[in-house]
Amino acid sequence: MDQPKLIEEPAARLARRIAHASRIVAFTGAGVSTESGIPDFRSPGGVWDRFAPIEFQAFLADPEARRETWRRGLHTYPVVAAAEPNAAHLALVELERDGKLSAVITQNIDGLHQRAGHSPEQVIELHGNAHGVRCLGCGAWSSRDAVHRRVLEGDDEPVCRACGGLLKPTSVSFGEPMPWDEVRRAERAACASDLLLVIGSSLVVYPAAAIPRGAVQTGVPMAILNATETPLDGLAGVVVRGRAAELLPAIVQQAKRRV
């Protein structure tokens, strides 16, 4: 039989925090998705190093900006669609099934938390979801796969087949407001938690990063597992450096052994 993987401080301290918590909320960022092969947007060599972001207002006003959005999607969407949940996603699902995780707040748009097995109502997507397309006129929803096929077939600026309105992916564009209902849900969940577990987020993207900061200011303890430093490290009770898919499964297993 394989011996349980031993972990060292400060990962062991995080395992103890998880063992003693009962209302954990995870706040996840790009560092979780990159381990499933999805490129980061902001890091050196990321998507925005290769393509300047298309502003939401430009998308609304400029047909060429819309065509460029769909052209980029020919390259970026298949990567997202083919990605599989990694060990960090699965470790969080295990915490939910054990009754310890009450919500996942994510900055990621890939839907991998749901694919890993989380209850969909437990996942709060601050930046939307790449797998849908919505008409900005009548609000009709379509699958991204269906619209992607239209673009592949030469429809370089697809419009709504119901009303002729503009179609837009349901991920939040640069300069587009975050979905207000999701933001409010995230704030309530974070402030009601007894451990806010930040995983794979640089905590520099606002207004999303205001959610963990606000929760800590109300007295919620925070732990951070991230490969690099974050501006909120000084507010965290535990900071673990490393890759989530490598460390989180062992941390969760050690927490379970302490219960």
Protein backbone atom coordinates (compact mmCIF):
# COMPACT_ATOMS: atom_id res chain seq x y z
CA MET A 1 0.00 0.00 0.00
CA ASP A 2 1.26 3.49 -0.85
CA GLN A 3 2.24 5.57 2.14
CA PRO A 4 0.36 8.89 2.58
CA LYS A 5 2.30 11.76 1.08
CA LEU A 6 3.90 13.83 3.82
CA ILE A 7 3.65 17.59 3.60
CA GLU A 8 5.71 20.18 5.38
CA GLU A 9 5.00 23.56 6.91
CA PRO A 10 3.29 25.82 5.91
CA ALA A 11 1.22 23.31 3.91
CA ALA A 12 0.67 21.30 7.09
CA ARG A 13 -0.70 24.42 8.80
CA LEU A 14 -3.13 24.88 5.94
CA ALA A 15 -4.23 21.25 6.33
CA ARG A 16 -4.96 21.94 10.00
CA ARG A 17 -6.98 25.04 9.08
CA ILE A 18 -9.03 23.02 6.60
CA ALA A 19 -9.59 20.23 9.14
CA HIS A 20 -11.02 22.67 11.67
CA ALA A 21 -13.19 24.62 9.21
CA SER A 22 -16.78 23.75 8.24
CA ARG A 23 -17.78 26.60 5.89
CA ILE A 24 -14.85 26.90 3.50
CA VAL A 25 -15.16 29.14 0.46
CA ALA A 26 -12.59 28.71 -2.30
CA PHE A 27 -11.58 31.70 -4.42
CA THR A 28 -9.83 30.43 -7.55
CA GLY A 29 -7.86 32.12 -10.28
CA ALA A 30 -5.89 31.38 -13.44
CA GLY A 31 -3.27 29.35 -11.60
CA VAL A 32 -5.81 26.55 -11.30
CA SER A 33 -6.74 26.63 -15.00
CA THR A 34 -3.18 26.80 -16.32
CA GLU A 35 -2.52 23.36 -14.86
CA SER A 36 -5.25 22.06 -17.18
CA GLY A 37 -3.42 23.56 -20.16
CA ILE A 38 -5.41 26.78 -20.44
CA PRO A 39 -3.11 29.79 -21.04
CA ASP A 40 -3.08 32.65 -18.57
CA PHE A 41 -4.20 36.05 -19.87
CA ARG A 42 -1.98 38.37 -17.85
CA SER A 43 1.31 36.57 -17.22
CA PRO A 44 4.35 37.13 -19.47
CA GLY A 45 3.75 35.11 -22.61
CA GLY A 46 0.02 34.99 -21.87
CA VAL A 47 -2.86 35.73 -24.19
CA TRP A 48 -2.64 39.50 -23.80
CA ASP A 49 1.05 39.48 -24.69
CA ARG A 50 0.02 38.11 -28.09
CA PHE A 51 -3.30 39.91 -28.56
CA ALA A 52 -4.30 43.29 -27.16
CA PRO A 53 -7.58 42.88 -25.27
CA ILE A 54 -10.69 43.96 -27.14
CA GLU A 55 -12.64 46.45 -25.07
CA PHE A 56 -16.35 45.81 -24.53
CA GLN A 57 -17.28 49.21 -25.94
CA ALA A 58 -15.23 48.50 -29.06
CA PHE A 59 -17.04 45.19 -29.48
CA LEU A 60 -20.38 47.01 -29.33
CA ALA A 61 -19.40 49.81 -31.71
CA ASP A 62 -17.01 48.31 -34.26
CA PRO A 63 -17.88 45.43 -36.61
CA GLU A 64 -14.18 44.71 -37.12
CA ALA A 65 -13.70 44.32 -33.35
CA ARG A 66 -16.53 41.79 -33.36
CA ARG A 67 -15.04 39.89 -36.27
CA GLU A 68 -11.64 39.86 -34.55
CA THR A 69 -13.27 38.51 -31.36
CA TRP A 70 -14.71 35.55 -33.25
CA ARG A 71 -11.44 35.02 -35.21
CA ARG A 72 -9.50 34.79 -31.95
CA GLY A 73 -12.08 32.37 -30.65
CA LEU A 74 -11.23 29.97 -33.47
CA HIS A 75 -7.85 29.52 -31.74
CA THR A 76 -8.67 30.01 -28.05
CA TYR A 77 -12.04 28.32 -27.61
CA PRO A 78 -10.97 24.80 -28.72
CA VAL A 79 -8.25 24.88 -26.03
CA VAL A 80 -10.84 25.68 -23.36
CA ALA A 81 -13.33 23.15 -24.73
CA ALA A 82 -10.74 20.35 -24.70
CA ALA A 83 -9.38 21.05 -21.20
CA GLU A 84 -9.96 18.55 -18.40
CA PRO A 85 -10.19 19.20 -14.65
CA ASN A 86 -6.94 18.69 -12.80
CA ALA A 87 -6.11 17.40 -9.34
CA ALA A 88 -6.77 20.79 -7.71
CA HIS A 89 -10.33 20.86 -9.10
CA LEU A 90 -10.92 17.34 -7.85
CA ALA A 91 -9.55 18.10 -4.37
CA LEU A 92 -12.06 20.95 -4.03
CA VAL A 93 -14.88 18.65 -5.13
CA GLU A 94 -13.80 16.26 -2.37
CA LEU A 95 -14.14 19.05 0.19
CA GLU A 96 -17.64 19.81 -1.10
CA ARG A 97 -18.68 16.16 -0.88
CA ASP A 98 -17.35 16.02 2.67
CA GLY A 99 -19.66 18.92 3.56
CA LYS A 100 -16.82 21.34 4.29
CA LEU A 101 -16.91 23.56 1.17
CA SER A 102 -19.91 25.88 0.84
CA ALA A 103 -18.99 27.72 -2.39
CA VAL A 104 -16.39 28.20 -5.12
CA ILE A 105 -15.88 31.77 -6.30
CA THR A 106 -13.91 31.69 -9.51
CA GLN A 107 -12.31 34.20 -11.85
CA ASN A 108 -11.97 31.43 -14.44
CA ILE A 109 -14.28 31.11 -17.44
CA ASP A 110 -13.59 27.49 -18.39
CA GLY A 111 -16.36 25.71 -16.46
CA LEU A 112 -13.87 23.14 -15.12
CA HIS A 113 -15.16 23.37 -11.56
CA GLN A 114 -18.56 22.17 -12.77
CA ARG A 115 -17.01 19.49 -14.98
CA ALA A 116 -14.98 18.26 -12.01
CA GLY A 117 -18.20 17.53 -10.15
CA HIS A 118 -19.19 20.59 -8.14
CA SER A 119 -22.88 21.30 -7.76
CA PRO A 120 -23.48 24.06 -10.33
CA GLU A 121 -25.28 26.22 -7.76
CA GLN A 122 -22.15 26.18 -5.60
CA VAL A 123 -19.96 27.77 -8.32
CA ILE A 124 -20.00 31.58 -8.61
CA GLU A 125 -18.42 32.77 -11.87
CA LEU A 126 -17.25 36.38 -11.56
CA HIS A 127 -16.04 36.63 -15.15
CA GLY A 128 -18.73 34.58 -16.83
CA ASN A 129 -18.35 31.36 -18.79
CA ALA A 130 -16.74 30.70 -22.16
CA HIS A 131 -19.15 27.92 -23.11
CA GLY A 132 -22.14 30.13 -23.86
CA VAL A 133 -23.15 32.91 -26.24
CA ARG A 134 -25.89 35.44 -25.53
CA CYS A 135 -27.77 37.83 -27.78
CA LEU A 136 -27.33 41.40 -26.59
CA GLY A 137 -30.71 42.22 -28.14
CA CYS A 138 -33.26 39.64 -27.01
CA GLY A 139 -31.13 37.77 -24.45
CA ALA A 140 -31.39 34.38 -26.18
CA TRP A 141 -28.68 31.91 -25.11
CA SER A 142 -26.79 29.57 -27.46
CA SER A 143 -24.03 27.07 -26.88
CA ARG A 144 -20.57 28.29 -27.82
CA ASP A 145 -20.05 25.05 -29.76
CA ALA A 146 -22.96 25.89 -32.07
CA VAL A 147 -21.78 29.44 -32.75
CA HIS A 148 -18.17 28.25 -33.10
CA ARG A 149 -19.31 25.93 -35.90
CA ARG A 150 -20.99 28.87 -37.65
CA VAL A 151 -17.74 30.85 -37.56
CA LEU A 152 -15.77 27.85 -38.85
CA GLU A 153 -18.21 27.69 -41.75
CA GLY A 154 -17.48 31.31 -42.70
CA ASP A 155 -19.98 33.35 -40.66
CA ASP A 156 -17.37 35.87 -39.48
CA GLU A 157 -19.81 38.08 -37.55
CA PRO A 158 -22.62 35.79 -36.35
CA VAL A 159 -25.90 37.41 -35.27
CA CYS A 160 -28.90 36.11 -33.36
CA ARG A 161 -31.10 33.88 -35.50
CA ALA A 162 -34.13 34.91 -33.46
CA CYS A 163 -33.89 38.71 -33.64
CA GLY A 164 -30.76 39.64 -35.65
CA GLY A 165 -29.08 41.14 -32.58
CA LEU A 166 -25.38 41.08 -31.71
CA LEU A 167 -24.05 37.82 -30.29
CA LYS A 168 -21.36 37.87 -27.61
CA PRO A 169 -19.62 35.11 -25.63
CA THR A 170 -20.89 34.93 -22.05
CA SER A 171 -17.39 35.46 -20.67
CA VAL A 172 -16.88 39.01 -19.38
CA SER A 173 -14.92 41.19 -21.81
CA PHE A 174 -12.22 43.68 -20.88
CA GLY A 175 -14.04 46.81 -19.70
CA GLU A 176 -17.39 45.03 -19.29
CA PRO A 177 -19.00 45.15 -15.82
CA MET A 178 -18.95 41.92 -13.85
CA PRO A 179 -22.37 40.31 -13.33
CA TRP A 180 -23.80 42.14 -10.33
CA ASP A 181 -25.84 39.24 -8.96
CA GLU A 182 -22.78 36.99 -8.98
CA VAL A 183 -20.66 39.64 -7.26
CA ARG A 184 -23.23 40.02 -4.49
CA ARG A 185 -23.48 36.24 -4.07
CA ALA A 186 -19.70 36.01 -3.86
CA GLU A 187 -19.46 38.75 -1.25
CA ARG A 188 -22.12 37.11 0.90
CA ALA A 189 -20.54 33.66 0.60
CA ALA A 190 -17.03 34.92 1.40
CA CYS A 191 -18.16 36.88 4.45
CA ALA A 192 -20.16 33.91 5.77
CA SER A 193 -17.22 31.49 5.52
CA ASP A 194 -14.98 30.36 8.34
CA LEU A 195 -12.01 29.96 5.97
CA LEU A 196 -11.49 31.76 2.68
CA LEU A 197 -9.11 29.61 0.64
CA VAL A 198 -7.49 31.56 -2.22
CA ILE A 199 -6.01 29.22 -4.83
CA GLY A 200 -4.06 30.17 -7.94
CA SER A 201 -4.98 33.86 -7.94
CA SER A 202 -2.54 36.75 -8.12
CA LEU A 203 -5.21 38.91 -6.42
CA VAL A 204 -4.43 41.89 -8.65
CA VAL A 205 -7.56 41.86 -10.83
CA TYR A 206 -10.17 44.24 -9.48
CA PRO A 207 -13.00 44.38 -8.64
CA ALA A 208 -12.76 40.59 -8.13
CA ALA A 209 -9.83 40.89 -5.71
CA ALA A 210 -11.89 43.22 -3.53
CA ILE A 211 -13.99 40.22 -2.45
CA PRO A 212 -11.28 38.43 -0.40
CA ARG A 213 -9.98 41.73 0.92
CA GLY A 214 -13.47 42.68 2.07
CA ALA A 215 -14.06 39.30 3.71
CA VAL A 216 -10.80 39.54 5.68
CA GLN A 217 -11.76 43.01 6.85
CA THR A 218 -14.92 41.53 8.39
CA GLY A 219 -12.83 39.00 10.33
CA VAL A 220 -12.85 35.98 7.99
CA PRO A 221 -9.54 34.06 8.15
CA MET A 222 -7.82 33.68 4.79
CA ALA A 223 -5.28 31.19 3.45
CA ILE A 224 -3.47 31.58 0.13
CA LEU A 225 -2.04 28.84 -2.08
CA ASN A 226 -0.33 30.42 -5.07
CA ALA A 227 2.87 30.04 -7.06
CA THR A 228 3.89 33.70 -6.60
CA GLU A 229 3.47 36.48 -4.08
CA THR A 230 0.18 38.38 -3.91
CA PRO A 231 -0.63 41.85 -2.55
CA LEU A 232 -2.78 40.24 0.17
CA ASP A 233 -0.19 37.81 1.54
CA GLY A 234 0.22 39.99 4.63
CA LEU A 235 -3.48 39.57 5.45
CA ALA A 236 -3.43 35.77 5.25
CA GLY A 237 -3.05 33.49 8.24
CA VAL A 238 -1.28 30.91 6.05
CA VAL A 239 0.55 31.38 2.75
CA VAL A 240 1.67 28.33 0.77
CA ARG A 241 3.90 28.72 -2.28
CA GLY A 242 3.48 26.21 -5.07
CA ARG A 243 1.27 24.76 -7.76
CA ALA A 244 -2.25 23.94 -6.71
CA ALA A 245 -2.53 20.63 -8.56
CA GLU A 246 0.64 19.38 -6.87
CA LEU A 247 -0.06 20.55 -3.32
CA LEU A 248 -3.79 20.78 -2.74
CA PRO A 249 -4.64 17.06 -3.00
CA ALA A 250 -2.07 16.15 -0.34
CA ILE A 251 -3.20 19.04 1.87
CA VAL A 252 -6.83 17.91 1.63
CA GLN A 253 -5.91 14.30 2.39
CA GLN A 254 -3.93 15.34 5.45
CA ALA A 255 -6.86 17.50 6.59
CA LYS A 256 -9.19 14.49 6.27
CA ARG A 257 -6.88 12.35 8.41
CA ARG A 258 -7.09 14.96 11.17
CA VAL A 259 -10.91 14.99 11.31
